[in-house]
N, C-alpha and C. Protein backbone atom coordinates (compact mmCIF):
# COMPACT_ATOMS: atom_id res chain seq x y z
N MET A 1 86.25 103.84 85.89
CA MET A 1 87.51 104.29 85.35
C MET A 1 88.53 104.42 86.47
N LYS A 2 89.74 103.98 86.23
CA LYS A 2 90.80 104.12 87.22
C LYS A 2 91.53 105.44 86.98
N ILE A 3 91.67 106.21 88.07
CA ILE A 3 92.40 107.46 88.01
C ILE A 3 93.48 107.44 89.09
N ALA A 4 94.47 108.31 88.94
CA ALA A 4 95.59 108.35 89.89
C ALA A 4 95.84 109.76 90.38
N LEU A 5 96.31 109.86 91.60
CA LEU A 5 96.78 111.12 92.18
C LEU A 5 98.07 110.85 92.92
N PRO A 6 99.06 111.75 92.81
CA PRO A 6 100.25 111.65 93.67
C PRO A 6 99.87 112.18 95.05
N VAL A 7 100.16 111.41 96.10
CA VAL A 7 99.73 111.81 97.45
C VAL A 7 100.89 111.68 98.45
N ASN A 8 100.77 112.43 99.54
CA ASN A 8 101.85 112.49 100.53
C ASN A 8 101.77 111.42 101.61
N ASP A 9 100.65 110.71 101.73
CA ASP A 9 100.51 109.67 102.73
C ASP A 9 99.44 108.68 102.28
N LYS A 10 99.39 107.53 102.92
CA LYS A 10 98.42 106.48 102.56
C LYS A 10 97.11 106.71 103.27
N SER A 11 96.47 107.84 103.00
CA SER A 11 95.20 108.20 103.61
C SER A 11 94.49 109.19 102.70
N THR A 12 93.16 109.05 102.59
CA THR A 12 92.42 110.04 101.80
C THR A 12 92.36 111.39 102.50
N GLU A 13 92.79 111.43 103.76
CA GLU A 13 92.88 112.69 104.49
C GLU A 13 94.21 113.40 104.21
N ALA A 14 95.13 112.71 103.57
CA ALA A 14 96.44 113.30 103.24
C ALA A 14 96.26 114.33 102.13
N SER A 15 97.36 114.96 101.77
CA SER A 15 97.30 115.98 100.72
C SER A 15 97.86 115.44 99.41
N VAL A 16 97.45 116.11 98.33
CA VAL A 16 97.98 115.81 97.00
C VAL A 16 99.42 116.31 96.98
N SER A 17 100.32 115.51 96.46
CA SER A 17 101.74 115.87 96.38
C SER A 17 101.97 116.86 95.24
N GLU A 18 102.93 117.74 95.45
CA GLU A 18 103.31 118.71 94.43
C GLU A 18 104.13 118.08 93.30
N THR A 19 104.73 116.91 93.55
CA THR A 19 105.58 116.30 92.55
C THR A 19 105.06 114.94 92.14
N LEU A 20 105.17 114.64 90.88
CA LEU A 20 104.71 113.35 90.37
C LEU A 20 105.79 112.28 90.55
N GLY A 21 107.00 112.56 90.12
CA GLY A 21 108.07 111.57 90.16
C GLY A 21 108.62 111.29 91.54
N ARG A 22 108.54 112.27 92.43
CA ARG A 22 109.12 112.13 93.77
C ARG A 22 108.07 112.06 94.87
N THR A 23 106.83 111.85 94.50
CA THR A 23 105.78 111.68 95.50
C THR A 23 106.01 110.38 96.27
N PRO A 24 105.67 110.32 97.54
CA PRO A 24 105.86 109.06 98.27
C PRO A 24 104.91 107.94 97.81
N TYR A 25 103.67 108.33 97.43
CA TYR A 25 102.65 107.33 97.10
C TYR A 25 101.76 107.82 95.96
N TYR A 26 101.04 106.88 95.39
CA TYR A 26 99.97 107.19 94.43
C TYR A 26 98.69 106.58 94.96
N LEU A 27 97.62 107.32 94.82
CA LEU A 27 96.29 106.78 95.07
C LEU A 27 95.73 106.37 93.71
N ILE A 28 95.41 105.10 93.57
CA ILE A 28 94.74 104.60 92.37
C ILE A 28 93.28 104.42 92.78
N TYR A 29 92.41 105.21 92.18
CA TYR A 29 91.01 105.26 92.59
C TYR A 29 90.11 104.81 91.44
N ASP A 30 89.20 103.93 91.74
CA ASP A 30 88.24 103.43 90.75
C ASP A 30 86.95 104.23 90.91
N THR A 31 86.62 105.03 89.90
CA THR A 31 85.45 105.90 89.99
C THR A 31 84.15 105.11 89.98
N GLU A 32 84.16 103.89 89.47
CA GLU A 32 82.94 103.09 89.41
C GLU A 32 82.65 102.40 90.74
N SER A 33 83.68 101.83 91.37
CA SER A 33 83.47 101.12 92.63
C SER A 33 83.62 102.04 93.84
N GLY A 34 84.30 103.18 93.65
CA GLY A 34 84.56 104.08 94.76
C GLY A 34 85.69 103.62 95.67
N GLU A 35 86.42 102.60 95.23
CA GLU A 35 87.51 102.06 96.04
C GLU A 35 88.86 102.59 95.56
N GLY A 36 89.76 102.76 96.52
CA GLY A 36 91.09 103.22 96.20
C GLY A 36 92.15 102.35 96.84
N VAL A 37 93.30 102.27 96.20
CA VAL A 37 94.46 101.58 96.76
C VAL A 37 95.65 102.53 96.67
N PHE A 38 96.54 102.41 97.62
CA PHE A 38 97.75 103.23 97.64
C PHE A 38 98.94 102.40 97.18
N LEU A 39 99.72 102.97 96.27
CA LEU A 39 100.94 102.32 95.79
C LEU A 39 102.15 103.09 96.28
N ASP A 40 103.17 102.39 96.74
CA ASP A 40 104.44 103.04 97.04
C ASP A 40 105.07 103.47 95.71
N ASN A 41 105.70 104.63 95.72
CA ASN A 41 106.38 105.11 94.52
C ASN A 41 107.80 104.56 94.50
N SER A 42 108.04 103.54 93.70
CA SER A 42 109.37 102.94 93.62
C SER A 42 110.38 103.86 92.95
N ALA A 43 109.91 104.90 92.26
CA ALA A 43 110.81 105.85 91.59
C ALA A 43 111.33 106.92 92.55
N LEU A 44 110.80 106.97 93.76
CA LEU A 44 111.13 108.03 94.71
C LEU A 44 112.64 108.19 94.93
N ALA A 45 113.35 107.09 95.08
CA ALA A 45 114.78 107.14 95.39
C ALA A 45 115.66 107.09 94.14
N SER A 46 115.08 107.16 92.96
CA SER A 46 115.86 107.08 91.72
C SER A 46 116.84 108.24 91.60
N GLN A 47 118.02 107.94 91.07
CA GLN A 47 119.00 109.00 90.82
C GLN A 47 118.52 109.94 89.72
N GLY A 48 117.84 109.39 88.74
CA GLY A 48 117.33 110.19 87.63
C GLY A 48 116.18 109.46 86.98
N GLY A 49 115.41 110.17 86.18
CA GLY A 49 114.31 109.55 85.46
C GLY A 49 113.13 109.18 86.32
N ALA A 50 112.98 109.84 87.48
CA ALA A 50 111.89 109.49 88.39
C ALA A 50 110.53 109.72 87.74
N GLY A 51 110.39 110.79 86.99
CA GLY A 51 109.11 111.08 86.34
C GLY A 51 108.72 110.02 85.34
N ILE A 52 109.68 109.57 84.55
CA ILE A 52 109.41 108.53 83.55
C ILE A 52 109.04 107.22 84.25
N LYS A 53 109.78 106.87 85.30
CA LYS A 53 109.48 105.64 86.05
C LYS A 53 108.11 105.73 86.70
N ALA A 54 107.80 106.89 87.26
CA ALA A 54 106.49 107.09 87.90
C ALA A 54 105.38 106.97 86.86
N ALA A 55 105.57 107.58 85.71
CA ALA A 55 104.57 107.51 84.65
C ALA A 55 104.35 106.07 84.21
N GLN A 56 105.43 105.30 84.11
CA GLN A 56 105.31 103.91 83.71
C GLN A 56 104.54 103.10 84.75
N THR A 57 104.73 103.42 86.03
CA THR A 57 103.96 102.77 87.09
C THR A 57 102.46 103.01 86.89
N LEU A 58 102.11 104.23 86.52
CA LEU A 58 100.70 104.56 86.30
C LEU A 58 100.16 103.86 85.05
N VAL A 59 100.98 103.77 84.01
CA VAL A 59 100.59 103.03 82.80
C VAL A 59 100.34 101.57 83.16
N ASP A 60 101.27 100.98 83.91
CA ASP A 60 101.16 99.58 84.32
C ASP A 60 99.93 99.34 85.21
N SER A 61 99.50 100.38 85.93
CA SER A 61 98.33 100.28 86.79
C SER A 61 97.03 100.47 86.02
N LYS A 62 97.16 100.71 84.72
CA LYS A 62 96.01 100.84 83.82
C LYS A 62 95.07 101.99 84.18
N VAL A 63 95.65 103.11 84.64
CA VAL A 63 94.82 104.29 84.89
C VAL A 63 94.49 104.97 83.57
N LYS A 64 93.39 105.68 83.56
CA LYS A 64 92.94 106.40 82.37
C LYS A 64 93.10 107.91 82.52
N ALA A 65 93.33 108.36 83.78
CA ALA A 65 93.48 109.79 84.03
C ALA A 65 94.40 110.00 85.23
N LEU A 66 95.12 111.11 85.19
CA LEU A 66 95.99 111.52 86.29
C LEU A 66 95.57 112.92 86.72
N LEU A 67 95.33 113.08 88.03
CA LEU A 67 95.03 114.38 88.61
C LEU A 67 96.27 114.83 89.34
N THR A 68 96.87 115.94 88.91
CA THR A 68 98.14 116.37 89.47
C THR A 68 98.31 117.88 89.33
N PRO A 69 99.05 118.51 90.27
CA PRO A 69 99.27 119.95 90.14
C PRO A 69 100.24 120.30 89.01
N ARG A 70 101.14 119.37 88.68
CA ARG A 70 102.11 119.63 87.60
C ARG A 70 102.70 118.32 87.13
N CYS A 71 103.33 118.40 85.95
CA CYS A 71 103.91 117.20 85.35
C CYS A 71 105.06 117.62 84.46
N GLY A 72 106.15 116.89 84.52
CA GLY A 72 107.29 117.15 83.66
C GLY A 72 107.07 116.61 82.26
N GLU A 73 107.81 117.16 81.31
CA GLU A 73 107.58 116.80 79.90
C GLU A 73 107.89 115.34 79.59
N ASN A 74 108.89 114.76 80.21
CA ASN A 74 109.21 113.35 79.93
C ASN A 74 108.11 112.42 80.44
N ALA A 75 107.63 112.69 81.66
CA ALA A 75 106.54 111.89 82.20
C ALA A 75 105.27 112.11 81.38
N ALA A 76 105.01 113.35 81.00
CA ALA A 76 103.81 113.66 80.21
C ALA A 76 103.83 112.92 78.89
N GLU A 77 104.99 112.80 78.28
CA GLU A 77 105.09 112.08 77.00
C GLU A 77 104.73 110.61 77.17
N VAL A 78 105.22 109.99 78.23
CA VAL A 78 104.89 108.58 78.51
C VAL A 78 103.38 108.44 78.73
N LEU A 79 102.80 109.34 79.51
CA LEU A 79 101.38 109.27 79.83
C LEU A 79 100.52 109.50 78.59
N LYS A 80 100.89 110.49 77.79
CA LYS A 80 100.10 110.78 76.59
C LYS A 80 100.18 109.64 75.59
N THR A 81 101.35 109.01 75.47
CA THR A 81 101.50 107.87 74.57
C THR A 81 100.56 106.74 74.98
N ALA A 82 100.31 106.61 76.29
CA ALA A 82 99.42 105.57 76.81
C ALA A 82 97.96 106.04 76.87
N ASN A 83 97.69 107.21 76.28
CA ASN A 83 96.34 107.78 76.26
C ASN A 83 95.77 108.04 77.65
N ILE A 84 96.65 108.42 78.58
CA ILE A 84 96.21 108.81 79.92
C ILE A 84 96.00 110.32 79.90
N LYS A 85 94.80 110.74 80.29
CA LYS A 85 94.46 112.16 80.30
C LYS A 85 95.02 112.82 81.56
N LEU A 86 95.52 114.04 81.41
CA LEU A 86 96.10 114.79 82.52
C LEU A 86 95.15 115.91 82.92
N PHE A 87 94.86 116.00 84.22
CA PHE A 87 93.99 117.04 84.74
C PHE A 87 94.70 117.79 85.85
N LYS A 88 94.45 119.11 85.91
CA LYS A 88 95.05 119.98 86.92
C LYS A 88 94.23 119.93 88.20
N THR A 89 94.89 119.63 89.30
CA THR A 89 94.20 119.63 90.59
C THR A 89 93.79 121.05 90.97
N ILE A 90 92.73 121.16 91.78
CA ILE A 90 92.22 122.48 92.18
C ILE A 90 92.81 122.95 93.51
N ASN A 91 93.26 122.01 94.33
CA ASN A 91 93.88 122.32 95.62
C ASN A 91 94.62 121.07 96.09
N ASP A 92 94.99 120.99 97.35
CA ASP A 92 95.75 119.81 97.80
C ASP A 92 94.88 118.78 98.52
N SER A 93 93.55 118.90 98.42
CA SER A 93 92.62 117.95 99.05
C SER A 93 92.31 116.81 98.09
N ILE A 94 92.59 115.59 98.52
CA ILE A 94 92.28 114.42 97.70
C ILE A 94 90.77 114.36 97.44
N LYS A 95 89.99 114.50 98.49
CA LYS A 95 88.53 114.40 98.36
C LYS A 95 87.97 115.47 97.43
N ASP A 96 88.43 116.72 97.57
CA ASP A 96 87.95 117.80 96.70
C ASP A 96 88.24 117.50 95.23
N ASN A 97 89.43 116.98 94.97
CA ASN A 97 89.82 116.71 93.59
C ASN A 97 89.07 115.52 93.00
N LEU A 98 88.83 114.48 93.80
CA LEU A 98 88.03 113.35 93.32
C LEU A 98 86.61 113.80 93.00
N GLU A 99 86.05 114.63 93.87
CA GLU A 99 84.70 115.14 93.66
C GLU A 99 84.64 116.01 92.40
N ALA A 100 85.61 116.90 92.25
CA ALA A 100 85.64 117.78 91.07
C ALA A 100 85.80 116.96 89.79
N PHE A 101 86.62 115.92 89.84
CA PHE A 101 86.79 115.06 88.65
C PHE A 101 85.46 114.39 88.30
N ASN A 102 84.81 113.82 89.31
CA ASN A 102 83.54 113.12 89.08
C ASN A 102 82.46 114.05 88.54
N GLU A 103 82.55 115.33 88.89
CA GLU A 103 81.58 116.31 88.42
C GLU A 103 82.00 116.98 87.12
N GLY A 104 83.15 116.56 86.57
CA GLY A 104 83.64 117.15 85.31
C GLY A 104 84.14 118.57 85.44
N LYS A 105 84.61 118.94 86.63
CA LYS A 105 85.02 120.32 86.90
C LYS A 105 86.52 120.57 86.84
N LEU A 106 87.32 119.54 86.60
CA LEU A 106 88.77 119.75 86.51
C LEU A 106 89.16 120.11 85.08
N SER A 107 90.10 121.04 84.98
CA SER A 107 90.61 121.45 83.67
C SER A 107 91.74 120.53 83.23
N PRO A 108 91.89 120.37 81.93
CA PRO A 108 93.07 119.62 81.46
C PRO A 108 94.34 120.33 81.92
N LEU A 109 95.38 119.55 82.23
CA LEU A 109 96.67 120.12 82.63
C LEU A 109 97.36 120.62 81.36
N ALA A 110 97.42 121.92 81.21
CA ALA A 110 97.95 122.52 79.97
C ALA A 110 99.44 122.82 80.07
N GLU A 111 99.89 123.22 81.25
CA GLU A 111 101.29 123.60 81.40
C GLU A 111 102.13 122.41 81.82
N ILE A 112 103.00 121.99 80.93
CA ILE A 112 103.93 120.89 81.20
C ILE A 112 105.31 121.52 81.36
N HIS A 113 105.95 121.30 82.50
CA HIS A 113 107.26 121.92 82.73
C HIS A 113 108.37 121.02 82.17
N THR A 114 109.56 121.57 82.09
CA THR A 114 110.69 120.85 81.50
C THR A 114 111.22 119.75 82.38
N GLY A 115 110.79 119.73 83.64
CA GLY A 115 111.29 118.68 84.55
C GLY A 115 112.42 119.21 85.39
N PHE A 116 112.74 118.47 86.42
CA PHE A 116 113.80 118.90 87.34
C PHE A 116 115.13 118.22 87.05
N HIS A 117 115.09 117.12 86.34
CA HIS A 117 116.28 116.44 85.83
C HIS A 117 117.46 116.42 86.81
N GLY A 118 117.28 115.61 87.86
CA GLY A 118 118.36 115.41 88.81
C GLY A 118 118.45 116.44 89.89
N HIS A 119 117.44 117.30 90.01
CA HIS A 119 117.49 118.35 91.02
C HIS A 119 116.62 118.05 92.23
N GLY A 120 116.17 116.82 92.38
CA GLY A 120 115.45 116.41 93.58
C GLY A 120 114.01 116.87 93.66
N GLY A 121 113.50 117.49 92.63
CA GLY A 121 112.08 117.80 92.57
C GLY A 121 111.63 119.04 93.30
N LYS A 122 112.52 119.90 93.78
CA LYS A 122 112.05 121.13 94.45
C LYS A 122 112.79 122.33 93.93
């Protein structure tokens, strides 16, 4: 299964990003092969709609799950329409979160925020 995480650098030693739409990169990880690839977030410099554009990138990458600390409602709607499951990260460690996902220890992401809508994501 392909899963995604928003990450701050192109390394599994990097941290999970706090923002989905404005993260610098995404890690697309295949749980079956154990291989991951990093994608640049083309939505990073968007004037608006970064969350929706980011979500569409993940849909286009054919991921089945997203591990993230938070998600805006517009991005969540795109992801849910594509049947992508949302899970809440446990900390900012990529490795810890991949391990927790593989062990079935991550909780569904229940709290969806209204989004930052042009406020730069912080």
